[in-house]
Amino acid sequence: FESFGFCCGASPGGNPDVLVSRARLCGVGIAVASRPGTKDITVADMAPNGPAAKSLKIHIGDQLVQVNGADVDQYHAKELGPLLNGPEGSLVALQLRRKATGELYNVSLSREWVMLGA
């Protein structure tokens, strides 16, 4: 997997293709990963007190399917920051596929200031 947090700098090893997931930003509190060779984008990490974790619905490993009605298979994980991040209090509608069961589910989250990778 290639893992991406959003609005971050290059990794400590200097690899420009892998972003550090340590940042304070206004979003839903998830970092996502792209599986090379597929269009799958999965939840790789969650801010412990972020909106996603507090929802108790999203699990690490679940596949992100849509953000605000836009299919994410048209994007690379590192391109999703502008869709997931935004003004504090604004809503984000996510559709995900549960890793364990393949079941599709929907979650609506309000963006908050969170720390990823802390």
PDB file of N, CA and C in Angstrom:
ATOM      1  N   PHE A   1       0.835  -1.190   0.000  1.00  0.00           N
ATOM      2  CA  PHE A   1       0.000   0.000   0.000  1.00  0.00           C
ATOM      3  C   PHE A   1       0.872   1.243   0.000  1.00  0.00           C
ATOM      4  N   GLU A   2       0.391   2.280  -0.661  1.00  0.00           N
ATOM      5  CA  GLU A   2       0.961   3.605  -0.512  1.00  0.00           C
ATOM      6  C   GLU A   2      -0.008   4.342   0.402  1.00  0.00           C
ATOM      7  N   SER A   3       0.478   4.931   1.470  1.00  0.00           N
ATOM      8  CA  SER A   3      -0.389   5.578   2.441  1.00  0.00           C
ATOM      9  C   SER A   3      -0.255   7.085   2.338  1.00  0.00           C
ATOM     10  N   PHE A   4      -1.372   7.778   2.460  1.00  0.00           N
ATOM     11  CA  PHE A   4      -1.365   9.224   2.327  1.00  0.00           C
ATOM     12  C   PHE A   4      -2.185   9.885   3.406  1.00  0.00           C
ATOM     13  N   GLY A   5      -1.573  10.818   4.121  1.00  0.00           N
ATOM     14  CA  GLY A   5      -2.299  11.791   4.912  1.00  0.00           C
ATOM     15  C   GLY A   5      -2.446  12.989   3.994  1.00  0.00           C
ATOM     16  N   PHE A   6      -3.022  14.038   4.456  1.00  0.00           N
ATOM     17  CA  PHE A   6      -3.262  15.162   3.565  1.00  0.00           C
ATOM     18  C   PHE A   6      -2.583  16.422   4.052  1.00  0.00           C
ATOM     19  N   CYS A   7      -2.179  17.276   3.098  1.00  0.00           N
ATOM     20  CA  CYS A   7      -1.564  18.573   3.379  1.00  0.00           C
ATOM     21  C   CYS A   7      -0.262  18.402   4.141  1.00  0.00           C
ATOM     22  N   CYS A   8       0.508  17.425   3.774  1.00  0.00           N
ATOM     23  CA  CYS A   8       1.740  17.114   4.507  1.00  0.00           C
ATOM     24  C   CYS A   8       2.936  17.212   3.579  1.00  0.00           C
ATOM     25  N   GLY A   9       4.130  17.111   4.159  1.00  0.00           N
ATOM     26  CA  GLY A   9       5.359  17.133   3.387  1.00  0.00           C
ATOM     27  C   GLY A   9       5.820  15.743   3.016  1.00  0.00           C
ATOM     28  N   ALA A  10       6.976  15.663   2.378  1.00  0.00           N
ATOM     29  CA  ALA A  10       7.523  14.369   1.970  1.00  0.00           C
ATOM     30  C   ALA A  10       7.909  13.546   3.191  1.00  0.00           C
ATOM     31  N   SER A  11       8.005  12.253   2.978  1.00  0.00           N
ATOM     32  CA  SER A  11       8.349  11.346   4.077  1.00  0.00           C
ATOM     33  C   SER A  11       9.753  11.629   4.591  1.00  0.00           C
ATOM     34  N   PRO A  12      10.052  11.215   5.822  1.00  0.00           N
ATOM     35  CA  PRO A  12      11.383  11.457   6.375  1.00  0.00           C
ATOM     36  C   PRO A  12      12.485  10.853   5.519  1.00  0.00           C
ATOM     37  N   GLY A  13      12.210   9.751   4.826  1.00  0.00           N
ATOM     38  CA  GLY A  13      13.201   9.138   3.952  1.00  0.00           C
ATOM     39  C   GLY A  13      13.366   9.872   2.639  1.00  0.00           C
ATOM     40  N   GLY A  14      12.552  10.900   2.426  1.00  0.00           N
ATOM     41  CA  GLY A  14      12.683  11.705   1.236  1.00  0.00           C
ATOM     42  C   GLY A  14      11.888  11.206   0.046  1.00  0.00           C
ATOM     43  N   ASN A  15      11.104  10.133   0.207  1.00  0.00           N
ATOM     44  CA  ASN A  15      10.313   9.628  -0.908  1.00  0.00           C
ATOM     45  C   ASN A  15       9.173  10.603  -1.175  1.00  0.00           C
ATOM     46  N   PRO A  16       9.181  11.290  -2.340  1.00  0.00           N
ATOM     47  CA  PRO A  16       8.150  12.288  -2.616  1.00  0.00           C
ATOM     48  C   PRO A  16       6.783  11.679  -2.907  1.00  0.00           C
ATOM     49  N   ASP A  17       6.710  10.362  -3.123  1.00  0.00           N
ATOM     50  CA  ASP A  17       5.438   9.721  -3.447  1.00  0.00           C
ATOM     51  C   ASP A  17       4.676   9.257  -2.208  1.00  0.00           C
ATOM     52  N   VAL A  18       5.315   9.263  -1.067  1.00  0.00           N
ATOM     53  CA  VAL A  18       4.654   8.853   0.171  1.00  0.00           C
ATOM     54  C   VAL A  18       4.651  10.052   1.105  1.00  0.00           C
ATOM     55  N   LEU A  19       3.474  10.485   1.491  1.00  0.00           N
ATOM     56  CA  LEU A  19       3.355  11.665   2.338  1.00  0.00           C
ATOM     57  C   LEU A  19       3.269  11.280   3.793  1.00  0.00           C
ATOM     58  N   VAL A  20       3.812  12.106   4.634  1.00  0.00           N
ATOM     59  CA  VAL A  20       3.736  11.910   6.073  1.00  0.00           C
ATOM     60  C   VAL A  20       2.293  12.126   6.491  1.00  0.00           C
ATOM     61  N   SER A  21       1.783  11.254   7.346  1.00  0.00           N
ATOM     62  CA  SER A  21       0.399  11.402   7.788  1.00  0.00           C
ATOM     63  C   SER A  21       0.320  12.149   9.117  1.00  0.00           C
ATOM     64  N   ARG A  22       1.289  13.011   9.389  1.00  0.00           N
ATOM     65  CA  ARG A  22       1.302  13.767  10.634  1.00  0.00           C
ATOM     66  C   ARG A  22       1.018  15.226  10.307  1.00  0.00           C
ATOM     67  N   ALA A  23      -0.206  15.655  10.556  1.00  0.00           N
ATOM     68  CA  ALA A  23      -0.577  17.024  10.247  1.00  0.00           C
ATOM     69  C   ALA A  23      -1.829  17.406  11.013  1.00  0.00           C
ATOM     70  N   ARG A  24      -1.962  18.692  11.299  1.00  0.00           N
ATOM     71  CA  ARG A  24      -3.199  19.216  11.877  1.00  0.00           C
ATOM     72  C   ARG A  24      -3.984  19.796  10.715  1.00  0.00           C
ATOM     73  N   LEU A  25      -5.191  19.286  10.530  1.00  0.00           N
ATOM     74  CA  LEU A  25      -6.012  19.760   9.433  1.00  0.00           C
ATOM     75  C   LEU A  25      -7.479  19.625   9.771  1.00  0.00           C
ATOM     76  N   CYS A  26      -8.301  20.277   8.974  1.00  0.00           N
ATOM     77  CA  CYS A  26      -9.734  20.253   9.217  1.00  0.00           C
ATOM     78  C   CYS A  26     -10.362  19.266   8.245  1.00  0.00           C
ATOM     79  N   GLY A  27     -10.764  18.141   8.773  1.00  0.00           N
ATOM     80  CA  GLY A  27     -11.321  17.096   7.924  1.00  0.00           C
ATOM     81  C   GLY A  27     -12.073  16.078   8.758  1.00  0.00           C
ATOM     82  N   VAL A  28     -12.147  14.852   8.238  1.00  0.00           N
ATOM     83  CA  VAL A  28     -12.909  13.801   8.911  1.00  0.00           C
ATOM     84  C   VAL A  28     -12.020  12.891   9.756  1.00  0.00           C
ATOM     85  N   GLY A  29     -10.703  13.108   9.710  1.00  0.00           N
ATOM     86  CA  GLY A  29      -9.801  12.363  10.579  1.00  0.00           C
ATOM     87  C   GLY A  29      -9.402  10.995  10.073  1.00  0.00           C
ATOM     88  N   ILE A  30      -9.299  10.849   8.740  1.00  0.00           N
ATOM     89  CA  ILE A  30      -8.799   9.584   8.197  1.00  0.00           C
ATOM     90  C   ILE A  30      -7.613   9.843   7.285  1.00  0.00           C
ATOM     91  N   ALA A  31      -6.729   8.863   7.221  1.00  0.00           N
ATOM     92  CA  ALA A  31      -5.684   8.799   6.205  1.00  0.00           C
ATOM     93  C   ALA A  31      -6.040   7.603   5.336  1.00  0.00           C
ATOM     94  N   VAL A  32      -5.835   7.738   4.028  1.00  0.00           N
ATOM     95  CA  VAL A  32      -6.205   6.674   3.104  1.00  0.00           C
ATOM     96  C   VAL A  32      -4.978   6.147   2.385  1.00  0.00           C
ATOM     97  N   ALA A  33      -5.119   4.948   1.828  1.00  0.00           N
ATOM     98  CA  ALA A  33      -4.023   4.300   1.115  1.00  0.00           C
ATOM     99  C   ALA A  33      -4.543   3.760  -0.212  1.00  0.00           C
ATOM    100  N   SER A  34      -3.692   3.835  -1.226  1.00  0.00           N
ATOM    101  CA  SER A  34      -3.988   3.224  -2.524  1.00  0.00           C
ATOM    102  C   SER A  34      -3.233   1.919  -2.626  1.00  0.00           C
ATOM    103  N   ARG A  35      -3.913   0.896  -3.123  1.00  0.00           N
ATOM    104  CA  ARG A  35      -3.242  -0.372  -3.354  1.00  0.00           C
ATOM    105  C   ARG A  35      -2.698  -0.335  -4.784  1.00  0.00           C
ATOM    106  N   PRO A  36      -1.363  -0.412  -4.959  1.00  0.00           N
ATOM    107  CA  PRO A  36      -0.780  -0.366  -6.304  1.00  0.00           C
ATOM    108  C   PRO A  36      -1.389  -1.434  -7.207  1.00  0.00           C
ATOM    109  N   GLY A  37      -1.695  -1.027  -8.436  1.00  0.00           N
ATOM    110  CA  GLY A  37      -2.248  -1.960  -9.409  1.00  0.00           C
ATOM    111  C   GLY A  37      -3.754  -2.112  -9.342  1.00  0.00           C
ATOM    112  N   THR A  38      -4.398  -1.430  -8.387  1.00  0.00           N
ATOM    113  CA  THR A  38      -5.855  -1.466  -8.282  1.00  0.00           C
ATOM    114  C   THR A  38      -6.363  -0.038  -8.118  1.00  0.00           C
ATOM    115  N   LYS A  39      -7.669   0.115  -8.173  1.00  0.00           N
ATOM    116  CA  LYS A  39      -8.283   1.414  -7.912  1.00  0.00           C
ATOM    117  C   LYS A  39      -8.797   1.502  -6.477  1.00  0.00           C
ATOM    118  N   ASP A  40      -8.513   0.483  -5.663  1.00  0.00           N
ATOM    119  CA  ASP A  40      -8.988   0.454  -4.288  1.00  0.00           C
ATOM    120  C   ASP A  40      -8.285   1.507  -3.441  1.00  0.00           C
ATOM    121  N   ILE A  41      -9.075   2.260  -2.689  1.00  0.00           N
ATOM    122  CA  ILE A  41      -8.568   3.218  -1.714  1.00  0.00           C
ATOM    123  C   ILE A  41      -9.165   2.821  -0.377  1.00  0.00           C
ATOM    124  N   THR A  42      -8.305   2.575   0.589  1.00  0.00           N
ATOM    125  CA  THR A  42      -8.773   2.081   1.880  1.00  0.00           C
ATOM    126  C   THR A  42      -8.408   3.039   3.012  1.00  0.00           C
ATOM    127  N   VAL A  43      -9.118   2.910   4.119  1.00  0.00           N
ATOM    128  CA  VAL A  43      -8.817   3.677   5.326  1.00  0.00           C
ATOM    129  C   VAL A  43      -7.580   3.049   5.960  1.00  0.00           C
ATOM    130  N   ALA A  44      -6.503   3.822   6.038  1.00  0.00           N
ATOM    131  CA  ALA A  44      -5.235   3.311   6.558  1.00  0.00           C
ATOM    132  C   ALA A  44      -5.006   3.692   8.012  1.00  0.00           C
ATOM    133  N   ASP A  45      -5.610   4.796   8.441  1.00  0.00           N
ATOM    134  CA  ASP A  45      -5.398   5.276   9.803  1.00  0.00           C
ATOM    135  C   ASP A  45      -6.515   6.253  10.140  1.00  0.00           C
ATOM    136  N   MET A  46      -6.759   6.445  11.433  1.00  0.00           N
ATOM    137  CA  MET A  46      -7.755   7.409  11.890  1.00  0.00           C
ATOM    138  C   MET A  46      -7.223   8.192  13.070  1.00  0.00           C
ATOM    139  N   ALA A  47      -7.527   9.480  13.109  1.00  0.00           N
ATOM    140  CA  ALA A  47      -7.206  10.294  14.277  1.00  0.00           C
ATOM    141  C   ALA A  47      -8.082   9.793  15.424  1.00  0.00           C
ATOM    142  N   PRO A  48      -7.495   9.472  16.580  1.00  0.00           N
ATOM    143  CA  PRO A  48      -8.255   8.863  17.673  1.00  0.00           C
ATOM    144  C   PRO A  48      -9.501   9.637  18.101  1.00  0.00           C
ATOM    145  N   ASN A  49      -9.453  10.954  18.075  1.00  0.00           N
ATOM    146  CA  ASN A  49     -10.601  11.757  18.490  1.00  0.00           C
ATOM    147  C   ASN A  49     -11.242  12.489  17.321  1.00  0.00           C
ATOM    148  N   GLY A  50     -10.980  12.029  16.102  1.00  0.00           N
ATOM    149  CA  GLY A  50     -11.552  12.661  14.925  1.00  0.00           C
ATOM    150  C   GLY A  50     -12.968  12.189  14.643  1.00  0.00           C
ATOM    151  N   PRO A  51     -13.649  12.875  13.742  1.00  0.00           N
ATOM    152  CA  PRO A  51     -15.032  12.521  13.422  1.00  0.00           C
ATOM    153  C   PRO A  51     -15.220  11.067  12.981  1.00  0.00           C
ATOM    154  N   ALA A  52     -14.309  10.521  12.199  1.00  0.00           N
ATOM    155  CA  ALA A  52     -14.450   9.134  11.730  1.00  0.00           C
ATOM    156  C   ALA A  52     -14.386   8.155  12.894  1.00  0.00           C
ATOM    157  N   ALA A  53     -13.392   8.328  13.764  1.00  0.00           N
ATOM    158  CA  ALA A  53     -13.252   7.428  14.917  1.00  0.00           C
ATOM    159  C   ALA A  53     -14.431   7.574  15.868  1.00  0.00           C
ATOM    160  N   LYS A  54     -14.868   8.802  16.096  1.00  0.00           N
ATOM    161  CA  LYS A  54     -15.979   9.036  17.025  1.00  0.00           C
ATOM    162  C   LYS A  54     -17.302   8.479  16.491  1.00  0.00           C
ATOM    163  N   SER A  55     -17.397   8.316  15.176  1.00  0.00           N
ATOM    164  CA  SER A  55     -18.637   7.764  14.606  1.00  0.00           C
ATOM    165  C   SER A  55     -18.822   6.298  14.990  1.00  0.00           C
ATOM    166  N   LEU A  56     -17.721   5.605  15.306  1.00  0.00           N
ATOM    167  CA  LEU A  56     -17.718   4.173  15.638  1.00  0.00           C
ATOM    168  C   LEU A  56     -18.232   3.309  14.489  1.00  0.00           C
ATOM    169  N   LYS A  57     -18.280   3.847  13.283  1.00  0.00           N
ATOM    170  CA  LYS A  57     -18.767   3.102  12.126  1.00  0.00           C
ATOM    171  C   LYS A  57     -17.656   2.711  11.161  1.00  0.00           C
ATOM    172  N   ILE A  58     -16.636   3.544  11.051  1.00  0.00           N
ATOM    173  CA  ILE A  58     -15.571   3.327  10.070  1.00  0.00           C
ATOM    174  C   ILE A  58     -14.454   2.501  10.707  1.00  0.00           C
ATOM    175  N   HIS A  59     -13.975   1.499   9.971  1.00  0.00           N
ATOM    176  CA  HIS A  59     -12.890   0.640  10.453  1.00  0.00           C
ATOM    177  C   HIS A  59     -11.677   0.774   9.537  1.00  0.00           C
ATOM    178  N   ILE A  60     -10.506   0.675  10.115  1.00  0.00           N
ATOM    179  CA  ILE A  60      -9.291   0.634   9.303  1.00  0.00           C
ATOM    180  C   ILE A  60      -9.377  -0.582   8.392  1.00  0.00           C
ATOM    181  N   GLY A  61      -9.054  -0.381   7.121  1.00  0.00           N
ATOM    182  CA  GLY A  61      -9.140  -1.443   6.119  1.00  0.00           C
ATOM    183  C   GLY A  61     -10.390  -1.364   5.271  1.00  0.00           C
ATOM    184  N   ASP A  62     -11.401  -0.598   5.715  1.00  0.00           N
ATOM    185  CA  ASP A  62     -12.598  -0.432   4.897  1.00  0.00           C
ATOM    186  C   ASP A  62     -12.244   0.339   3.628  1.00  0.00           C
ATOM    187  N   GLN A  63     -12.914   0.002   2.545  1.00  0.00           N
ATOM    188  CA  GLN A  63     -12.659   0.632   1.247  1.00  0.00           C
ATOM    189  C   GLN A  63     -13.539   1.868   1.092  1.00  0.00           C
ATOM    190  N   LEU A  64     -12.926   2.991   0.738  1.00  0.00           N
ATOM    191  CA  LEU A  64     -13.656   4.212   0.451  1.00  0.00           C
ATOM    192  C   LEU A  64     -14.205   4.118  -0.970  1.00  0.00           C
ATOM    193  N   VAL A  65     -15.509   4.296  -1.130  1.00  0.00           N
ATOM    194  CA  VAL A  65     -16.165   4.149  -2.431  1.00  0.00           C
ATOM    195  C   VAL A  65     -16.549   5.511  -3.008  1.00  0.00           C
ATOM    196  N   GLN A  66     -17.169   6.370  -2.183  1.00  0.00           N
ATOM    197  CA  GLN A  66     -17.592   7.698  -2.636  1.00  0.00           C
ATOM    198  C   GLN A  66     -17.348   8.735  -1.550  1.00  0.00           C
ATOM    199  N   VAL A  67     -17.081   9.969  -2.002  1.00  0.00           N
ATOM    200  CA  VAL A  67     -17.023  11.136  -1.125  1.00  0.00           C
ATOM    201  C   VAL A  67     -17.965  12.169  -1.724  1.00  0.00           C
ATOM    202  N   ASN A  68     -18.997  12.530  -0.986  1.00  0.00           N
ATOM    203  CA  ASN A  68     -20.003  13.481  -1.457  1.00  0.00           C
ATOM    204  C   ASN A  68     -20.544  13.111  -2.840  1.00  0.00           C
ATOM    205  N   GLY A  69     -20.783  11.825  -3.052  1.00  0.00           N
ATOM    206  CA  GLY A  69     -21.365  11.337  -4.295  1.00  0.00           C
ATOM    207  C   GLY A  69     -20.387  11.119  -5.427  1.00  0.00           C
ATOM    208  N   ALA A  70     -19.123  11.503  -5.254  1.00  0.00           N
ATOM    209  CA  ALA A  70     -18.103  11.313  -6.295  1.00  0.00           C
ATOM    210  C   ALA A  70     -17.414   9.970  -6.084  1.00  0.00           C
ATOM    211  N   ASP A  71     -17.403   9.133  -7.121  1.00  0.00           N
ATOM    212  CA  ASP A  71     -16.705   7.849  -7.050  1.00  0.00           C
ATOM    213  C   ASP A  71     -15.208   8.090  -6.909  1.00  0.00           C
ATOM    214  N   VAL A  72     -14.587   7.471  -5.914  1.00  0.00           N
ATOM    215  CA  VAL A  72     -13.165   7.712  -5.680  1.00  0.00           C
ATOM    216  C   VAL A  72     -12.260   6.859  -6.558  1.00  0.00           C
ATOM    217  N   ASP A  73     -12.841   5.919  -7.317  1.00  0.00           N
ATOM    218  CA  ASP A  73     -11.981   5.111  -8.193  1.00  0.00           C
ATOM    219  C   ASP A  73     -11.403   5.941  -9.339  1.00  0.00           C
ATOM    220  N   GLN A  74     -11.833   7.181  -9.464  1.00  0.00           N
ATOM    221  CA  GLN A  74     -11.277   8.092 -10.463  1.00  0.00           C
ATOM    222  C   GLN A  74     -10.074   8.853  -9.918  1.00  0.00           C
ATOM    223  N   TYR A  75      -9.763   8.650  -8.638  1.00  0.00           N
ATOM    224  CA  TYR A  75      -8.716   9.405  -7.957  1.00  0.00           C
ATOM    225  C   TYR A  75      -7.626   8.479  -7.432  1.00  0.00           C
ATOM    226  N   HIS A  76      -6.454   9.046  -7.222  1.00  0.00           N
ATOM    227  CA  HIS A  76      -5.393   8.407  -6.454  1.00  0.00           C
ATOM    228  C   HIS A  76      -5.579   8.896  -5.025  1.00  0.00           C
ATOM    229  N   ALA A  77      -5.188   8.125  -4.048  1.00  0.00           N
ATOM    230  CA  ALA A  77      -5.386   8.494  -2.642  1.00  0.00           C
ATOM    231  C   ALA A  77      -4.872   9.899  -2.341  1.00  0.00           C
ATOM    232  N   LYS A  78      -3.720  10.267  -2.894  1.00  0.00           N
ATOM    233  CA  LYS A  78      -3.154  11.580  -2.564  1.00  0.00           C
ATOM    234  C   LYS A  78      -3.947  12.732  -3.158  1.00  0.00           C
ATOM    235  N   GLU A  79      -4.920  12.452  -4.021  1.00  0.00           N
ATOM    236  CA  GLU A  79      -5.755  13.495  -4.615  1.00  0.00           C
ATOM    237  C   GLU A  79      -7.049  13.735  -3.836  1.00  0.00           C
ATOM    238  N   LEU A  80      -7.298  12.973  -2.785  1.00  0.00           N
ATOM    239  CA  LEU A  80      -8.571  13.053  -2.073  1.00  0.00           C
ATOM    240  C   LEU A  80      -8.616  14.118  -0.977  1.00  0.00           C
ATOM    241  N   GLY A  81      -7.479  14.706  -0.639  1.00  0.00           N
ATOM    242  CA  GLY A  81      -7.448  15.731   0.398  1.00  0.00           C
ATOM    243  C   GLY A  81      -8.486  16.828   0.211  1.00  0.00           C
ATOM    244  N   PRO A  82      -8.584  17.422  -0.986  1.00  0.00           N
ATOM    245  CA  PRO A  82      -9.575  18.487  -1.177  1.00  0.00           C
ATOM    246  C   PRO A  82     -11.025  18.016  -1.011  1.00  0.00           C
ATOM    247  N   LEU A  83     -11.284  16.732  -1.189  1.00  0.00           N
ATOM    248  CA  LEU A  83     -12.643  16.219  -0.998  1.00  0.00           C
ATOM    249  C   LEU A  83     -12.941  15.944   0.480  1.00  0.00           C
ATOM    250  N   LEU A  84     -11.931  15.475   1.205  1.00  0.00           N
ATOM    251  CA  LEU A  84     -12.132  15.098   2.604  1.00  0.00           C
ATOM    252  C   LEU A  84     -11.929  16.265   3.570  1.00  0.00           C
ATOM    253  N   ASN A  85     -11.076  17.201   3.221  1.00  0.00           N
ATOM    254  CA  ASN A  85     -10.773  18.335   4.082  1.00  0.00           C
ATOM    255  C   ASN A  85     -11.575  19.552   3.639  1.00  0.00           C
ATOM    256  N   GLY A  86     -11.855  20.447   4.578  1.00  0.00           N
ATOM    257  CA  GLY A  86     -12.596  21.651   4.237  1.00  0.00           C
ATOM    258  C   GLY A  86     -12.937  22.449   5.470  1.00  0.00           C
ATOM    259  N   PRO A  87     -13.884  23.373   5.334  1.00  0.00           N
ATOM    260  CA  PRO A  87     -14.228  24.256   6.449  1.00  0.00           C
ATOM    261  C   PRO A  87     -14.781  23.494   7.661  1.00  0.00           C
ATOM    262  N   GLU A  88     -14.378  23.941   8.833  1.00  0.00           N
ATOM    263  CA  GLU A  88     -14.857  23.343  10.076  1.00  0.00           C
ATOM    264  C   GLU A  88     -16.382  23.370  10.124  1.00  0.00           C
ATOM    265  N   GLY A  89     -16.976  22.249  10.491  1.00  0.00           N
ATOM    266  CA  GLY A  89     -18.423  22.147  10.613  1.00  0.00           C
ATOM    267  C   GLY A  89     -19.149  21.746   9.343  1.00  0.00           C
ATOM    268  N   SER A  90     -18.459  21.774   8.207  1.00  0.00           N
ATOM    269  CA  SER A  90     -19.111  21.363   6.958  1.00  0.00           C
ATOM    270  C   SER A  90     -19.233  19.842   6.927  1.00  0.00           C
ATOM    271  N   LEU A  91     -20.246  19.354   6.217  1.00  0.00           N
ATOM    272  CA  LEU A  91     -20.532  17.918   6.187  1.00  0.00           C
ATOM    273  C   LEU A  91     -19.857  17.214   5.022  1.00  0.00           C
ATOM    274  N   VAL A  92     -19.486  15.968   5.260  1.00  0.00           N
ATOM    275  CA  VAL A  92     -18.917  15.093   4.238  1.00  0.00           C
ATOM    276  C   VAL A  92     -19.708  13.791   4.266  1.00  0.00           C
ATOM    277  N   ALA A  93     -20.248  13.406   3.114  1.00  0.00           N
ATOM    278  CA  ALA A  93     -20.974  12.141   2.997  1.00  0.00           C
ATOM    279  C   ALA A  93     -20.030  11.104   2.405  1.00  0.00           C
ATOM    280  N   LEU A  94     -19.806  10.025   3.140  1.00  0.00           N
ATOM    281  CA  LEU A  94     -18.911   8.960   2.685  1.00  0.00           C
ATOM    282  C   LEU A  94     -19.706   7.688   2.438  1.00  0.00           C
ATOM    283  N   GLN A  95     -19.320   6.973   1.390  1.00  0.00           N
ATOM    284  CA  GLN A  95     -19.808   5.608   1.205  1.00  0.00           C
ATOM    285  C   GLN A  95     -18.578   4.717   1.259  1.00  0.00           C
ATOM    286  N   LEU A  96     -18.669   3.671   2.058  1.00  0.00           N
ATOM    287  CA  LEU A  96     -17.546   2.753   2.240  1.00  0.00           C
ATOM    288  C   LEU A  96     -18.022   1.320   2.086  1.00  0.00           C
ATOM    289  N   ARG A  97     -17.061   0.422   1.882  1.00  0.00           N
ATOM    290  CA  ARG A  97     -17.336  -1.014   1.818  1.00  0.00           C
ATOM    291  C   ARG A  97     -16.593  -1.670   2.967  1.00  0.00           C
ATOM    292  N   ARG A  98     -17.340  -2.370   3.828  1.00  0.00           N
ATOM    293  CA  ARG A  98     -16.764  -3.023   4.992  1.00  0.00           C
ATOM    294  C   ARG A  98     -15.797  -4.118   4.535  1.00  0.00           C
ATOM    295  N   LYS A  99     -14.579  -4.063   5.034  1.00  0.00           N
ATOM    296  CA  LYS A  99     -13.548  -5.038   4.661  1.00  0.00           C
ATOM    297  C   LYS A  99     -13.989  -6.462   4.979  1.00  0.00           C
ATOM    298  N   ALA A 100     -14.543  -6.670   6.152  1.00  0.00           N
ATOM    299  CA  ALA A 100     -14.868  -8.021   6.617  1.00  0.00           C
ATOM    300  C   ALA A 100     -16.029  -8.663   5.878  1.00  0.00           C
ATOM    301  N   THR A 101     -17.009  -7.854   5.443  1.00  0.00           N
ATOM    302  CA  THR A 101     -18.239  -8.432   4.880  1.00  0.00           C
ATOM    303  C   THR A 101     -18.532  -8.022   3.443  1.00  0.00           C
ATOM    304  N   GLY A 102     -17.881  -6.967   2.957  1.00  0.00           N
ATOM    305  CA  GLY A 102     -18.173  -6.458   1.621  1.00  0.00           C
ATOM    306  C   GLY A 102     -19.419  -5.584   1.576  1.00  0.00           C
ATOM    307  N   GLU A 103     -20.068  -5.382   2.728  1.00  0.00           N
ATOM    308  CA  GLU A 103     -21.291  -4.582   2.812  1.00  0.00           C
ATOM    309  C   GLU A 103     -20.989  -3.098   2.572  1.00  0.00           C
ATOM    310  N   LEU A 104     -21.831  -2.448   1.735  1.00  0.00           N
ATOM    311  CA  LEU A 104     -21.736  -1.000   1.546  1.00  0.00           C
ATOM    312  C   LEU A 104     -22.465  -0.303   2.683  1.00  0.00           C
ATOM    313  N   TYR A 105     -21.895   0.806   3.171  1.00  0.00           N
ATOM    314  CA  TYR A 105     -22.566   1.601   4.188  1.00  0.00           C
ATOM    315  C   TYR A 105     -22.236   3.071   3.982  1.00  0.00           C
ATOM    316  N   ASN A 106     -23.103   3.938   4.500  1.00  0.00           N
ATOM    317  CA  ASN A 106     -22.956   5.384   4.356  1.00  0.00           C
ATOM    318  C   ASN A 106     -22.763   6.026   5.722  1.00  0.00           C
ATOM    319  N   VAL A 107     -21.919   7.061   5.750  1.00  0.00           N
ATOM    320  CA  VAL A 107     -21.653   7.812   6.973  1.00  0.00           C
ATOM    321  C   VAL A 107     -21.588   9.290   6.590  1.00  0.00           C
ATOM    322  N   SER A 108     -22.248  10.133   7.360  1.00  0.00           N
ATOM    323  CA  SER A 108     -22.148  11.579   7.185  1.00  0.00           C
ATOM    324  C   SER A 108     -21.391  12.131   8.388  1.00  0.00           C
ATOM    325  N   LEU A 109     -20.311  12.862   8.122  1.00  0.00           N
ATOM    326  CA  LEU A 109     -19.454  13.380   9.181  1.00  0.00           C
ATOM    327  C   LEU A 109     -19.303  14.887   9.060  1.00  0.00           C
ATOM    328  N   SER A 110     -19.149  15.549  10.186  1.00  0.00           N
ATOM    329  CA  SER A 110     -18.893  16.979  10.229  1.00  0.00           C
ATOM    330  C   SER A 110     -17.388  17.186  10.400  1.00  0.00           C
ATOM    331  N   ARG A 111     -16.785  18.006   9.536  1.00  0.00           N
ATOM    332  CA  ARG A 111     -15.343  18.235   9.600  1.00  0.00           C
ATOM    333  C   ARG A 111     -14.971  18.955  10.897  1.00  0.00           C
ATOM    334  N   GLU A 112     -13.831  18.531  11.461  1.00  0.00           N
ATOM    335  CA  GLU A 112     -13.287  19.126  12.676  1.00  0.00           C
ATOM    336  C   GLU A 112     -11.774  19.253  12.514  1.00  0.00           C
ATOM    337  N   TRP A 113     -11.162  20.068  13.367  1.00  0.00           N
ATOM    338  CA  TRP A 113      -9.703  20.128  13.416  1.00  0.00           C
ATOM    339  C   TRP A 113      -9.209  18.862  14.093  1.00  0.00           C
ATOM    340  N   VAL A 114      -8.324  18.141  13.413  1.00  0.00           N
ATOM    341  CA  VAL A 114      -7.803  16.885  13.932  1.00  0.00           C
ATOM    342  C   VAL A 114      -6.295  16.810  13.723  1.00  0.00           C
ATOM    343  N   MET A 115      -5.661  15.912  14.452  1.00  0.00           N
ATOM    344  CA  MET A 115      -4.244  15.652  14.279  1.00  0.00           C
ATOM    345  C   MET A 115      -4.105  14.210  13.816  1.00  0.00           C
ATOM    346  N   LEU A 116      -3.609  14.032  12.595  1.00  0.00           N
ATOM    347  CA  LEU A 116      -3.348  12.691  12.064  1.00  0.00           C
ATOM    348  C   LEU A 116      -1.897  12.324  12.342  1.00  0.00           C
ATOM    349  N   GLY A 117      -1.680  11.065  12.706  1.00  0.00           N
ATOM    350  CA  GLY A 117      -0.327  10.573  12.918  1.00  0.00           C
ATOM    351  C   GLY A 117       0.322  11.081  14.194  1.00  0.00           C
ATOM    352  N   ALA A 118      -0.492  11.582  15.090  1.00  0.00           N
ATOM    353  CA  ALA A 118       0.070  12.132  16.339  1.00  0.00           C
ATOM    354  C   ALA A 118       0.481  11.027  17.274  1.00  0.00           C
TER     355      ALA A 118
END
